[in-house]
Amino acid sequence: MHAINHISQLRGIIPPMVTPLLHQNQLDEKGISRLVNHMITGGVHGIFVLGTSGEAVSLGYPLREALLRQVAEEIAGRVPLLVGITDTSLEEAIRFAAIAREVQADAVVAAPPFYFPTTQPALYDYFKTLSENVALPLFLYNIPSHARIALEADTVRQLLALPNVAGYKDSTGDMMTFHRLQLLLKDQPEKVYLLGPEELLAESVLLGAHGGVNGGANILPRLYVQLYEAAVNREIERMTILHRKVMAFTATVYQNGKRVIQGMKAALSALAICQDTVAMPMPPLTTEEKTVITAYVNQLSTDF
């Protein structure tokens, strides 16, 4: 394990890393190096590679592997590394988990397979089989907006009882289910609960979540780390001010959730970290949209 003795100790801001690209099938290796170091210098507590923000399912397997190997090398044990293994094929998910172990990642993360319709019992069987066939701790990733199926609260509870299921990344945006799961999991304090939507970071950490997997921390890692710390320390006034800054960021850069990945890449381009190329079939931003984001980034303070 890196920077923590056990995955159950994972806390804080773990950005879902953007994948810097030069072209559709070519990594921006210098951009990857700059981005990893930008986030670590900003104080993040871990890095999650090949998630939704990393456009993982749009990338070919050789490119995913090359990205993972470079990121692992760049991190060099400074912070924990989580690796997305979401796939429509159980065998491919298991195969990629083995590569993650080979590069000494700390955990793997999987959302439900996203093509064929299925049931909650079938999802339980899928994740149970996956957990038994990967050597690294497994995080469940609930993102019904993209997977087109949700892991229901009872399924999550059952899966978190399995020994190799280390935690849960909640990208549902459903705070009612968050509160219900907090009650269901009160007897499993060793399981890590992370929230995806950064708009909910402050309140979720205040009420028991262990941290956030927040895309904006690619761009403004210090802001998100400071918001997390303010919530942990129950500094409500400071937390409220920082939360408003996050809301302003998501309203402008994400266009309130309409162009999240494109917005992140445009912001990173404005910071000269990497260019704004997105993988097909994601539509690029218009020149006007990029201009708005660039102007916003250029006027940002980095000390918060």
Protein backbone atom coordinates (compact mmCIF):
# COMPACT_ATOMS: atom_id res chain seq x y z
CA MET A 1 0.00 0.00 0.00
CA HIS A 2 1.10 3.57 -0.70
CA ALA A 3 0.81 6.47 1.74
CA ILE A 4 -1.73 4.49 3.81
CA ASN A 5 -1.28 1.23 5.71
CA HIS A 6 -4.59 -0.21 4.60
CA ILE A 7 -7.23 0.77 2.05
CA SER A 8 -9.80 1.11 4.86
CA GLN A 9 -7.88 4.23 5.96
CA LEU A 10 -8.49 5.98 2.62
CA ARG A 11 -9.92 9.45 3.26
CA GLY A 12 -10.08 12.78 1.46
CA ILE A 13 -10.04 13.97 -2.14
CA ILE A 14 -9.31 11.33 -4.77
CA PRO A 15 -9.69 13.04 -8.17
CA PRO A 16 -11.00 10.98 -11.08
CA MET A 17 -8.10 11.81 -13.36
CA VAL A 18 -8.74 13.26 -16.81
CA THR A 19 -6.91 11.41 -19.61
CA PRO A 20 -4.70 13.90 -21.52
CA LEU A 21 -4.81 13.06 -25.23
CA LEU A 22 -2.96 14.40 -28.27
CA HIS A 23 -5.24 12.54 -30.68
CA GLN A 24 -7.99 9.92 -30.47
CA ASN A 25 -5.52 7.10 -29.89
CA GLN A 26 -2.43 8.94 -28.61
CA LEU A 27 -1.68 9.85 -25.02
CA ASP A 28 -0.22 13.22 -24.09
CA GLU A 29 2.63 11.87 -21.96
CA LYS A 30 3.93 15.30 -20.92
CA GLY A 31 0.39 16.37 -20.05
CA ILE A 32 -0.08 13.23 -17.92
CA SER A 33 3.09 14.03 -15.99
CA ARG A 34 2.07 17.66 -15.47
CA LEU A 35 -1.45 16.70 -14.38
CA VAL A 36 -0.38 14.03 -11.87
CA ASN A 37 2.13 16.39 -10.28
CA HIS A 38 -0.32 19.32 -10.30
CA MET A 39 -2.84 17.25 -8.32
CA ILE A 40 -0.31 15.83 -5.86
CA THR A 41 1.25 19.27 -5.28
CA GLY A 42 -2.30 20.49 -4.62
CA GLY A 43 -2.59 18.07 -1.71
CA VAL A 44 -4.92 15.36 -3.02
CA HIS A 45 -5.17 12.17 -0.98
CA GLY A 46 -5.19 9.71 -3.90
CA ILE A 47 -5.76 9.47 -7.67
CA PHE A 48 -8.42 7.44 -9.48
CA VAL A 49 -7.42 6.65 -13.05
CA LEU A 50 -9.69 5.30 -15.84
CA GLY A 51 -13.00 6.38 -14.39
CA THR A 52 -15.76 8.32 -16.12
CA SER A 53 -13.76 11.57 -16.14
CA GLY A 54 -10.90 9.60 -17.68
CA GLU A 55 -13.15 8.60 -20.63
CA ALA A 56 -12.08 5.02 -19.91
CA VAL A 57 -14.75 3.21 -21.93
CA SER A 58 -13.88 5.30 -25.03
CA LEU A 59 -10.22 4.27 -24.94
CA GLY A 60 -8.69 1.16 -26.47
CA TYR A 61 -7.22 -1.41 -24.09
CA PRO A 62 -3.57 -0.80 -25.13
CA LEU A 63 -4.00 2.93 -24.49
CA ARG A 64 -5.67 2.29 -21.11
CA GLU A 65 -2.77 0.09 -20.10
CA ALA A 66 -0.15 2.60 -21.27
CA LEU A 67 -1.93 5.34 -19.31
CA LEU A 68 -2.08 3.21 -16.17
CA ARG A 69 1.59 2.29 -16.36
CA GLN A 70 2.68 5.92 -16.80
CA VAL A 71 0.43 7.21 -14.01
CA ALA A 72 1.69 4.53 -11.62
CA GLU A 73 5.26 5.51 -12.48
CA GLU A 74 4.53 9.24 -12.06
CA ILE A 75 2.80 8.74 -8.69
CA ALA A 76 5.69 6.57 -7.48
CA GLY A 77 3.92 5.66 -4.25
CA ARG A 78 3.29 9.26 -3.16
CA VAL A 79 -0.49 8.78 -2.92
CA PRO A 80 -2.80 5.76 -3.26
CA LEU A 81 -3.73 4.76 -6.81
CA LEU A 82 -7.23 3.49 -7.65
CA VAL A 83 -7.85 1.95 -11.08
CA GLY A 84 -11.12 1.74 -13.00
CA ILE A 85 -11.81 -1.73 -14.41
CA THR A 86 -15.43 -1.18 -15.53
CA ASP A 87 -16.23 -3.33 -18.55
CA THR A 88 -19.08 -5.11 -20.30
CA SER A 89 -16.98 -8.28 -20.01
CA LEU A 90 -16.23 -9.88 -16.64
CA GLU A 91 -13.08 -11.47 -18.08
CA GLU A 92 -11.72 -8.13 -19.32
CA ALA A 93 -12.40 -6.53 -15.93
CA ILE A 94 -10.49 -9.34 -14.21
CA ARG A 95 -7.65 -9.11 -16.76
CA PHE A 96 -7.26 -5.38 -16.26
CA ALA A 97 -7.34 -5.79 -12.47
CA ALA A 98 -4.32 -8.06 -12.82
CA ILE A 99 -2.44 -5.28 -14.65
CA ALA A 100 -3.43 -2.87 -11.86
CA ARG A 101 -1.93 -5.26 -9.34
CA GLU A 102 1.21 -5.61 -11.43
CA VAL A 103 1.82 -1.83 -11.31
CA GLN A 104 1.21 -1.91 -7.52
CA ALA A 105 -2.07 0.01 -7.52
CA ASP A 106 -3.94 0.07 -4.21
CA ALA A 107 -7.48 -0.80 -5.31
CA VAL A 108 -9.71 -1.31 -8.33
CA VAL A 109 -13.08 0.32 -9.02
CA ALA A 110 -15.94 -1.15 -11.06
CA ALA A 111 -19.35 0.11 -12.14
CA PRO A 112 -22.03 -2.33 -13.35
CA PRO A 113 -21.70 -3.65 -16.92
CA PHE A 114 -23.57 -1.15 -19.07
CA TYR A 115 -25.10 -2.81 -22.15
CA PHE A 116 -27.53 -5.63 -21.42
CA PRO A 117 -30.40 -5.10 -18.95
CA THR A 118 -30.02 -7.10 -15.76
CA THR A 119 -31.37 -7.56 -12.22
CA GLN A 120 -30.14 -6.82 -8.71
CA PRO A 121 -29.48 -10.55 -7.93
CA ALA A 122 -27.49 -10.83 -11.18
CA LEU A 123 -25.49 -7.70 -10.28
CA TYR A 124 -24.75 -9.18 -6.87
CA ASP A 125 -23.46 -12.36 -8.54
CA TYR A 126 -21.37 -10.31 -10.99
CA PHE A 127 -19.66 -8.24 -8.29
CA LYS A 128 -19.24 -11.21 -5.96
CA THR A 129 -17.50 -13.13 -8.76
CA LEU A 130 -15.39 -10.09 -9.61
CA SER A 131 -14.37 -9.58 -5.96
CA GLU A 132 -13.31 -13.23 -5.70
CA ASN A 133 -11.19 -13.02 -8.85
CA VAL A 134 -9.25 -9.80 -8.30
CA ALA A 135 -6.29 -9.61 -5.96
CA LEU A 136 -6.72 -5.93 -5.09
CA PRO A 137 -9.49 -4.49 -2.89
CA LEU A 138 -12.59 -3.67 -4.95
CA PHE A 139 -14.67 -0.49 -4.79
CA LEU A 140 -18.24 -0.55 -6.07
CA TYR A 141 -19.06 2.37 -8.37
CA ASN A 142 -22.71 3.37 -8.59
CA ILE A 143 -23.31 5.66 -11.58
CA PRO A 144 -26.77 4.96 -13.03
CA SER A 145 -26.58 8.03 -15.30
CA HIS A 146 -23.94 6.18 -17.37
CA ALA A 147 -24.31 2.49 -16.52
CA ARG A 148 -28.10 2.77 -17.04
CA ILE A 149 -28.70 0.64 -13.97
CA ALA A 150 -28.34 1.47 -10.30
CA LEU A 151 -26.95 -0.67 -7.54
CA GLU A 152 -29.84 -0.53 -5.10
CA ALA A 153 -29.14 0.16 -1.41
CA ASP A 154 -29.74 -3.42 -0.30
CA THR A 155 -27.45 -4.77 -3.04
CA VAL A 156 -24.73 -2.35 -1.93
CA ARG A 157 -25.19 -3.45 1.68
CA GLN A 158 -24.89 -7.15 0.73
CA LEU A 159 -21.83 -6.55 -1.43
CA LEU A 160 -20.05 -4.46 1.22
CA ALA A 161 -20.33 -7.46 3.54
CA LEU A 162 -17.95 -9.37 1.21
CA PRO A 163 -14.34 -9.45 2.46
CA ASN A 164 -12.66 -8.05 -0.65
CA VAL A 165 -15.18 -5.26 -1.29
CA ALA A 166 -13.43 -2.31 0.36
CA GLY A 167 -15.80 0.53 -0.32
CA TYR A 168 -18.37 2.33 -2.37
CA LYS A 169 -18.19 5.29 -4.76
CA ASP A 170 -21.59 6.94 -4.91
CA SER A 171 -22.27 8.98 -8.06
CA THR A 172 -26.06 8.72 -7.88
CA GLY A 173 -26.57 12.24 -6.51
CA ASP A 174 -29.29 10.71 -4.33
CA MET A 175 -28.79 12.00 -0.78
CA MET A 176 -31.81 10.11 0.56
CA THR A 177 -30.13 6.80 -0.33
CA PHE A 178 -26.83 8.13 1.05
CA HIS A 179 -28.46 8.66 4.45
CA ARG A 180 -30.13 5.25 4.39
CA LEU A 181 -26.84 3.55 3.50
CA GLN A 182 -25.09 5.41 6.30
CA LEU A 183 -27.52 3.73 8.71
CA LEU A 184 -27.17 0.32 7.04
CA LEU A 185 -23.37 0.50 7.17
CA LYS A 186 -22.92 1.84 10.70
CA ASP A 187 -21.64 -1.57 11.80
CA GLN A 188 -19.01 -1.66 9.01
CA PRO A 189 -16.75 1.31 9.81
CA GLU A 190 -13.87 -0.26 7.85
CA LYS A 191 -15.72 0.22 4.55
CA VAL A 192 -14.88 3.43 2.70
CA TYR A 193 -17.73 5.62 1.42
CA LEU A 194 -16.82 8.21 -1.24
CA LEU A 195 -19.10 10.68 -3.03
CA GLY A 196 -18.74 11.53 -6.72
CA PRO A 197 -20.77 14.74 -7.25
CA GLU A 198 -18.68 17.60 -5.93
CA GLU A 199 -21.76 19.72 -5.37
CA LEU A 200 -22.54 17.30 -2.50
CA LEU A 201 -19.02 17.04 -1.07
CA ALA A 202 -19.46 19.43 1.86
CA GLU A 203 -22.73 18.04 3.21
CA SER A 204 -21.84 14.39 2.64
CA VAL A 205 -18.50 14.64 4.48
CA LEU A 206 -20.19 16.60 7.26
CA LEU A 207 -22.66 13.72 7.62
CA GLY A 208 -20.31 10.75 7.42
CA ALA A 209 -18.81 10.27 3.94
CA HIS A 210 -15.06 9.64 3.91
CA GLY A 211 -14.23 11.87 0.96
CA GLY A 212 -14.91 12.87 -2.61
CA VAL A 213 -13.99 11.62 -6.07
CA ASN A 214 -14.36 15.07 -7.58
CA GLY A 215 -13.46 15.97 -11.15
CA GLY A 216 -12.78 19.61 -10.34
CA ALA A 217 -9.79 18.53 -8.24
CA ASN A 218 -7.98 17.87 -11.54
CA ILE A 219 -8.00 21.63 -12.02
CA LEU A 220 -8.25 23.15 -8.53
CA PRO A 221 -6.98 20.46 -6.14
CA ARG A 222 -6.36 22.92 -3.28
CA LEU A 223 -9.95 24.18 -3.32
CA TYR A 224 -11.37 20.68 -2.96
CA VAL A 225 -8.85 19.62 -0.33
CA GLN A 226 -9.60 22.75 1.71
CA LEU A 227 -13.37 22.16 1.39
CA TYR A 228 -12.96 18.55 2.54
CA GLU A 229 -10.84 19.67 5.51
CA ALA A 230 -13.32 22.38 6.47
CA ALA A 231 -16.13 19.82 6.44
CA VAL A 232 -14.13 17.30 8.50
CA ASN A 233 -13.26 20.00 11.04
CA ARG A 234 -16.84 21.31 11.05
CA GLU A 235 -15.72 24.82 10.16
CA ILE A 236 -19.17 25.64 8.83
CA GLU A 237 -18.59 29.25 7.80
CA ARG A 238 -15.37 28.45 5.91
CA MET A 239 -16.97 25.32 4.43
CA THR A 240 -19.89 27.39 3.13
CA ILE A 241 -17.59 29.90 1.42
CA LEU A 242 -15.53 27.14 -0.23
CA HIS A 243 -18.67 25.22 -1.23
CA ARG A 244 -19.92 28.32 -3.06
CA LYS A 245 -16.62 28.48 -4.95
CA VAL A 246 -17.08 24.84 -6.02
CA MET A 247 -20.65 25.60 -7.14
CA ALA A 248 -19.39 28.57 -9.21
CA PHE A 249 -16.75 26.30 -10.75
CA THR A 250 -19.24 23.58 -11.74
CA ALA A 251 -21.76 26.12 -13.04
CA THR A 252 -19.18 27.66 -15.37
CA VAL A 253 -16.76 24.86 -16.30
CA TYR A 254 -19.31 22.01 -16.38
CA GLN A 255 -22.16 24.20 -17.66
CA ASN A 256 -24.16 22.83 -14.72
CA GLY A 257 -23.41 19.24 -15.69
CA LYS A 258 -23.96 19.49 -19.45
CA ARG A 259 -20.31 19.40 -20.57
CA VAL A 260 -18.32 18.02 -17.64
CA ILE A 261 -15.36 16.25 -19.27
CA GLN A 262 -15.03 18.76 -22.10
CA GLY A 263 -15.14 21.57 -19.54
CA MET A 264 -12.43 20.00 -17.40
CA LYS A 265 -10.16 19.58 -20.40
CA ALA A 266 -10.78 23.16 -21.53
CA ALA A 267 -9.88 24.39 -18.03
CA LEU A 268 -6.72 22.27 -17.98
CA SER A 269 -5.81 23.65 -21.39
CA ALA A 270 -6.25 27.20 -20.04
CA LEU A 271 -3.80 26.25 -17.27
CA ALA A 272 -1.33 24.88 -19.90
CA ILE A 273 -1.43 21.42 -18.28
CA CYS A 274 -2.76 19.49 -21.28
CA GLN A 275 -4.72 20.15 -24.43
CA ASP A 276 -8.50 19.84 -24.65
CA THR A 277 -8.78 16.84 -27.01
CA VAL A 278 -11.64 14.49 -26.11
CA ALA A 279 -12.08 10.90 -27.30
CA MET A 280 -14.78 10.11 -29.85
CA PRO A 281 -17.77 10.16 -29.81
CA MET A 282 -17.80 12.96 -27.24
CA PRO A 283 -18.72 16.29 -28.90
CA PRO A 284 -16.10 19.01 -28.52
CA LEU A 285 -16.89 22.40 -27.04
CA THR A 286 -17.59 25.37 -29.28
CA THR A 287 -15.06 28.18 -29.49
CA GLU A 288 -17.46 30.38 -27.51
CA GLU A 289 -17.73 27.80 -24.71
CA LYS A 290 -13.95 27.47 -24.52
CA THR A 291 -13.58 31.27 -24.37
CA VAL A 292 -15.94 31.49 -21.38
CA ILE A 293 -14.05 28.74 -19.50
CA THR A 294 -10.64 30.22 -20.31
CA ALA A 295 -11.72 33.67 -19.07
CA TYR A 296 -13.10 32.11 -15.86
CA VAL A 297 -9.92 30.10 -15.19
CA ASN A 298 -7.68 33.08 -15.86
CA GLN A 299 -9.38 35.16 -13.15
CA LEU A 300 -9.30 32.40 -10.51
CA SER A 301 -7.31 32.79 -7.34
CA THR A 302 -5.37 29.64 -6.47
CA ASP A 303 -5.12 30.22 -2.72
CA PHE A 304 -8.85 30.21 -1.84
